[in-house]
């Protein structure tokens, strides 16, 4: 990516965690199409690094 930093809050629902407040702003800023595959690496202290992006899921590796 281009080094931009986005603040996205994480919400816990039951035993699952979801990206929440700020998520749609990030998607709109990056102009990501619907049904894109995004993969993140957990860094620490709820910090994630964006590592993969596929606009066409057919291009993604089968083991994702």
N, C-alpha and C. Protein backbone atom coordinates (compact mmCIF):
# COMPACT_ATOMS: atom_id res chain seq x y z
N UNK A 1 0.84 -1.18 0.00
CA UNK A 1 0.00 0.00 0.00
C UNK A 1 0.88 1.24 0.00
N UNK A 2 0.29 2.35 0.21
CA UNK A 2 1.00 3.62 0.07
C UNK A 2 1.38 4.25 1.40
N UNK A 3 1.31 3.52 2.49
CA UNK A 3 1.73 4.03 3.79
C UNK A 3 0.67 4.77 4.58
N UNK A 4 -0.55 4.89 4.03
CA UNK A 4 -1.62 5.56 4.77
C UNK A 4 -1.98 4.75 6.01
N UNK A 5 -2.40 5.45 7.04
CA UNK A 5 -2.82 4.81 8.28
C UNK A 5 -4.29 5.15 8.51
N UNK A 6 -5.08 4.14 8.82
CA UNK A 6 -6.50 4.30 9.09
C UNK A 6 -6.79 3.83 10.51
N UNK A 7 -7.64 4.54 11.21
CA UNK A 7 -8.09 4.13 12.53
C UNK A 7 -9.44 3.46 12.38
N UNK A 8 -9.48 2.18 12.76
CA UNK A 8 -10.71 1.39 12.67
C UNK A 8 -10.92 0.75 14.03
N UNK A 9 -12.07 0.97 14.62
CA UNK A 9 -12.38 0.38 15.92
C UNK A 9 -12.82 -1.07 15.73
N UNK A 10 -12.56 -1.85 16.75
CA UNK A 10 -12.93 -3.26 16.73
C UNK A 10 -14.04 -3.46 17.75
N UNK A 11 -15.07 -4.18 17.34
CA UNK A 11 -16.22 -4.43 18.21
C UNK A 11 -16.31 -5.93 18.48
N UNK A 12 -16.54 -6.27 19.74
CA UNK A 12 -16.72 -7.67 20.12
C UNK A 12 -18.20 -7.99 20.16
N UNK A 13 -18.58 -9.04 19.47
CA UNK A 13 -19.96 -9.53 19.47
C UNK A 13 -19.89 -11.01 19.82
N UNK A 14 -20.37 -11.35 21.01
CA UNK A 14 -20.24 -12.73 21.48
C UNK A 14 -18.77 -13.05 21.66
N UNK A 15 -18.30 -14.10 21.01
CA UNK A 15 -16.89 -14.47 21.09
C UNK A 15 -16.11 -14.05 19.84
N UNK A 16 -16.73 -13.25 18.96
CA UNK A 16 -16.09 -12.82 17.72
C UNK A 16 -15.77 -11.34 17.76
N UNK A 17 -14.77 -10.94 16.99
CA UNK A 17 -14.37 -9.54 16.87
C UNK A 17 -14.56 -9.09 15.43
N UNK A 18 -15.02 -7.84 15.25
CA UNK A 18 -15.29 -7.31 13.92
C UNK A 18 -14.71 -5.91 13.79
N UNK A 19 -14.15 -5.59 12.61
CA UNK A 19 -13.77 -4.21 12.32
C UNK A 19 -15.07 -3.43 12.24
N UNK A 20 -15.13 -2.24 12.83
CA UNK A 20 -16.40 -1.51 12.91
C UNK A 20 -16.21 -0.05 12.54
N UNK A 21 -16.29 0.86 13.49
CA UNK A 21 -16.21 2.30 13.22
C UNK A 21 -14.91 2.62 12.48
N UNK A 22 -15.02 3.29 11.36
CA UNK A 22 -13.86 3.64 10.56
C UNK A 22 -13.63 2.70 9.39
N UNK A 23 -14.23 1.51 9.44
CA UNK A 23 -14.05 0.51 8.39
C UNK A 23 -14.56 1.02 7.04
N UNK A 24 -15.76 1.54 6.99
CA UNK A 24 -16.31 2.01 5.72
C UNK A 24 -15.51 3.19 5.17
N UNK A 25 -14.99 4.06 6.06
CA UNK A 25 -14.14 5.16 5.60
C UNK A 25 -12.88 4.63 4.93
N UNK A 26 -12.28 3.58 5.49
CA UNK A 26 -11.09 2.99 4.90
C UNK A 26 -11.40 2.41 3.52
N UNK A 27 -12.48 1.67 3.42
CA UNK A 27 -12.86 1.04 2.16
C UNK A 27 -13.13 2.10 1.09
N UNK A 28 -13.83 3.16 1.47
CA UNK A 28 -14.13 4.23 0.50
C UNK A 28 -12.86 4.99 0.12
N UNK A 29 -11.96 5.24 1.05
CA UNK A 29 -10.71 5.96 0.76
C UNK A 29 -9.82 5.17 -0.19
N UNK A 30 -9.81 3.84 -0.02
CA UNK A 30 -8.98 2.99 -0.87
C UNK A 30 -9.68 2.62 -2.18
N UNK A 31 -10.95 3.01 -2.29
CA UNK A 31 -11.78 2.73 -3.47
C UNK A 31 -11.75 1.23 -3.79
N UNK A 32 -12.10 0.43 -2.79
CA UNK A 32 -12.12 -1.01 -2.95
C UNK A 32 -13.49 -1.47 -3.44
N UNK A 33 -13.52 -2.31 -4.45
CA UNK A 33 -14.80 -2.83 -4.94
C UNK A 33 -15.39 -3.84 -3.96
N UNK A 34 -16.69 -4.03 -4.03
CA UNK A 34 -17.35 -5.04 -3.20
C UNK A 34 -16.77 -6.41 -3.54
N UNK A 35 -16.84 -7.33 -2.57
CA UNK A 35 -16.36 -8.70 -2.72
C UNK A 35 -14.85 -8.80 -2.90
N UNK A 36 -14.11 -7.79 -2.49
CA UNK A 36 -12.65 -7.87 -2.52
C UNK A 36 -12.18 -8.72 -1.35
N UNK A 37 -11.04 -9.37 -1.51
CA UNK A 37 -10.45 -10.14 -0.43
C UNK A 37 -9.33 -9.30 0.18
N UNK A 38 -9.43 -9.05 1.49
CA UNK A 38 -8.42 -8.29 2.21
C UNK A 38 -7.85 -9.19 3.30
N UNK A 39 -6.54 -9.23 3.43
CA UNK A 39 -5.91 -10.00 4.49
C UNK A 39 -5.03 -9.07 5.32
N UNK A 40 -5.07 -9.27 6.63
CA UNK A 40 -4.33 -8.43 7.55
C UNK A 40 -3.42 -9.29 8.41
N UNK A 41 -2.29 -8.72 8.80
CA UNK A 41 -1.38 -9.37 9.73
C UNK A 41 -1.52 -8.66 11.07
N UNK A 42 -1.74 -9.41 12.15
CA UNK A 42 -1.82 -8.83 13.48
C UNK A 42 -0.42 -8.45 13.92
N UNK A 43 -0.22 -7.19 14.28
CA UNK A 43 1.08 -6.70 14.71
C UNK A 43 1.19 -6.78 16.24
N UNK A 44 0.42 -5.98 16.95
CA UNK A 44 0.37 -5.99 18.41
C UNK A 44 -0.59 -4.90 18.87
N UNK A 45 -1.05 -5.03 20.08
CA UNK A 45 -1.94 -4.02 20.67
C UNK A 45 -3.06 -3.60 19.73
N UNK A 46 -3.71 -4.58 19.12
CA UNK A 46 -4.81 -4.36 18.17
C UNK A 46 -4.37 -3.50 16.97
N UNK A 47 -3.15 -3.69 16.53
CA UNK A 47 -2.64 -3.05 15.32
C UNK A 47 -2.51 -4.12 14.24
N UNK A 48 -3.06 -3.81 13.07
CA UNK A 48 -3.04 -4.75 11.97
C UNK A 48 -2.36 -4.11 10.77
N UNK A 49 -1.59 -4.91 10.03
CA UNK A 49 -0.94 -4.45 8.81
C UNK A 49 -1.67 -5.09 7.62
N UNK A 50 -2.09 -4.25 6.71
CA UNK A 50 -2.77 -4.69 5.49
C UNK A 50 -1.73 -5.36 4.59
N UNK A 51 -1.90 -6.66 4.26
CA UNK A 51 -0.85 -7.34 3.52
C UNK A 51 -1.26 -7.86 2.15
N UNK A 52 -2.52 -8.13 1.92
CA UNK A 52 -2.95 -8.64 0.61
C UNK A 52 -4.26 -8.01 0.19
N UNK A 53 -4.41 -7.83 -1.11
CA UNK A 53 -5.66 -7.32 -1.66
C UNK A 53 -5.88 -7.96 -3.02
N UNK A 54 -7.02 -8.56 -3.21
CA UNK A 54 -7.39 -9.14 -4.50
C UNK A 54 -8.73 -8.57 -4.92
N UNK A 55 -8.79 -7.93 -6.08
CA UNK A 55 -10.07 -7.46 -6.60
C UNK A 55 -10.86 -8.62 -7.17
N UNK A 56 -10.17 -9.61 -7.69
CA UNK A 56 -10.81 -10.77 -8.31
C UNK A 56 -10.43 -11.99 -7.47
N UNK A 57 -11.39 -12.57 -6.78
CA UNK A 57 -11.09 -13.71 -5.91
C UNK A 57 -10.52 -14.90 -6.68
N UNK A 58 -10.75 -14.97 -7.97
CA UNK A 58 -10.19 -16.05 -8.78
C UNK A 58 -8.66 -15.97 -8.80
N UNK A 59 -8.10 -14.80 -8.54
CA UNK A 59 -6.64 -14.63 -8.52
C UNK A 59 -6.02 -15.00 -7.19
N UNK A 60 -6.84 -15.14 -6.15
CA UNK A 60 -6.35 -15.44 -4.82
C UNK A 60 -5.92 -16.90 -4.74
N UNK A 61 -4.95 -17.17 -3.87
CA UNK A 61 -4.51 -18.55 -3.67
C UNK A 61 -5.64 -19.36 -3.07
N UNK A 62 -5.70 -20.63 -3.42
CA UNK A 62 -6.79 -21.50 -3.00
C UNK A 62 -6.82 -21.76 -1.50
N UNK A 63 -5.70 -21.58 -0.80
CA UNK A 63 -5.66 -21.93 0.61
C UNK A 63 -6.10 -20.79 1.53
N UNK A 64 -6.63 -19.70 1.00
CA UNK A 64 -7.13 -18.61 1.84
C UNK A 64 -8.52 -18.88 2.27
